[in-house]
Every structure is written in structure tokens, then in C-alpha cells.
């Protein structure tokens, strides 16, 4: 009898429709929301002056887009585990950047009064990631593990590309004389598009090629990734990733209505629209970065938040410039007043923070203070 039991083959877990319905039920909710707004959008988006209706519509759309973005990142990470480098990193980065470009483009082209939305969104992403995400990750990680370590060479490589691209995209337009205002001429835009793309590709080649060791630390990456690998086949994750991304474009365009209402009718600060878009983009990666830091995998956390800023500037800026050229929409890039100073201060503090290879509670607290200053200056600048 014992021999018969041992001879029975072990049944493998199957990945079928029931598994998809259990793990990816949010996909049905996302498409149902898209269908509702496609059929009854005019009715739902009417009379947004009613605070209750505005809050209901905004919360519904915001939660749906955010949930879809979280699912896109989840499936992109699974594809990254299966493909390895450099294709894994490329898919994960392009997925998040595509969400950002699609969301910004949908809102930017919806109304006539959004020339600064792309700039405000990119600046908000930098502030949320380099101050909020970094501060929370370092504070919680150091609070639990006292002192954490990361690869100094990798952090320096990130900052060495982030700083010049941030200055070229968000500061240089204030000082050019070819055009009026904080904008760039056609030649300057082309230069920024090409240099951003070339620098990012060069960085990606270094990160996934001969200097891959700069972005790892002994005992972290393998342990973390193997624990998260799912049983679903490759093609299932690829199809579900694409399926989640499809409704994001339409829902982001619908989200533009309550966002425009609060900016134009209720006269909220213009940068608030950029903050809303930035939260949609940064939240999925923020969750992963904080979890990694708390689990004492700071190297992975560093790769997430510095990689997020780099892709925002290195890929989103060229994408938005191309969209503005194709659609004929003006775009304002140069930061002004307090935003200019906050960007300079954040970049300088980041250089100091990632200069030793070790982090502590104080560094996290400093970045969180800068994050709170950023939010305070939105309303009192």
C-alpha cells in the first residue's frame, strides 16, 4: 500500500481561468468602470460643482487608475524575473514610464490650460520619490535595522545621470534666450530628446552589462526575487500586463475632468494637478521600495527609487516633448520661484545622503522634512 502511494504522480498546480478570476479580479472592475464612463460619462461628469459628486467621481477614477497601475507593475515584475537582464529591467521601466506618459498626455491634451502639467508632474515625481519615498524607506529601514548598506558605486551612477538631466529639463529653460518664458526652441527640444535618450540607454547598458555588480549587494537580489516568483506562465503575465494598460489611457482622460474642475473652477494651485498625476505614477514603486527597505534589502530599494527618478526624467521628458510637438500643444518646462530652490536643495541633499554607502534614521528624517516643505509650499508659496 505504501508503494502505491509513493508511485502516484504529484499533481502540479494549474493556472487557469479560476486562478485569473481570483488573482486578477480588478481587471474586470477596471473594464467595467471604463464601460460605465464610456456609456454614461456625460451624465456622471455633469454638475461637478456638487462636492459630493466631485469626490465620488474623482475617488472612483483615481482608485481605478491606481489599482490598474499597481497590477501593471506586478505583472511587469514577474516578466522581469523570467526574462532576466537587460530585458527584465527594460520591461519594468517601460511599463511604468508608459503609464506616466499616457496619463500626462491624456490630461494635458484634455483642456486648454495645462501647459505646465508635464513640468509639475515630473517635478512632483522627483519630490515625492527623492524626498517622500527615500525618506520613508531610510527612516523605517534604519529604525528597524539601525544601519543599512547599499552599493555606493550604483547610487553614484544614478545621481551622475539624474542631476544633469534634471538641470537640462527643469532649470535650463529658465535661462535660454531663444524663446520667451521658461520654454525651449525646436532645436533645444530636439537636443534634450536625443541626449536624454542616449544617456538613459548608456546607463541601461552599463547597469545590465559590464557594471551590473554596481547595482547589487551580496545576498539580496536572489533571495528577494525567488520568493516572489509566481506559478503563472510567461504569456499569461504578458497578456494581463497589456490588458491592464489598455483602460488606463481612457480612464486618465476621464480623470482630467475632475482635475480640471478643481484647478480652473475652484482655483486650486496649478501644481496640484501635477501632484495628482505623480501620486498615480509613484505609488506602485513607493510600496515596493518601502517594503524592500523594511525587509533590510536597501539595495533593491535604492534601485527602485533612484531608477524611478531616472526613468521619469530620461524617458518621460522626451515622450512628453514628442507628444506636445505632435499635438501642437505648448509645454512649459522651467521651474520657478520656490520649486527651483526645492529641486536644487533636494539634489544636493541626495548627493550627501548617498555618499557613504550606509544610511541611518537622521538621513530619512531630513528627506521627510523636505517632503513636508514641498507640500507646504504648494499652498503657501
Foldseek 3Di string as FASTA:
>chain_A
DVVVVVPDDDDDDDDDPVNCCVPPVLLVVLVVVLVCCVVCVVVLLPPCVPVVSLCVLLVSLLVSLLVLLLLLLLLLCLLCLVPDPDVSVVSNLCLLLVLLLLLQLLLCVLDQPQQALLQLQLLLLCLCLLQVLLLLLQQLLCVQVVKAFAQLLLLCLLLVQLVVLCCLFAAVLCPDDPDPASADDPVSLVVSLVVLQVSVVVSSCCCRHDPVVSLADPPFPVVVSVVSHDPDDSVVSVVSSVSSSVSSSVSSNSSSSSVCCCCPVVVAQSSVSSNSSSCSSCVSLSVVLNVCSNVSNNSVSSCSSSVNSSSSSSPSSSSNSVSCVVVVRNHRGYDDDPSVVLVVVSSVLSCVQSPPRMGHNVSSVVSNVSSVVVVVVSHPD
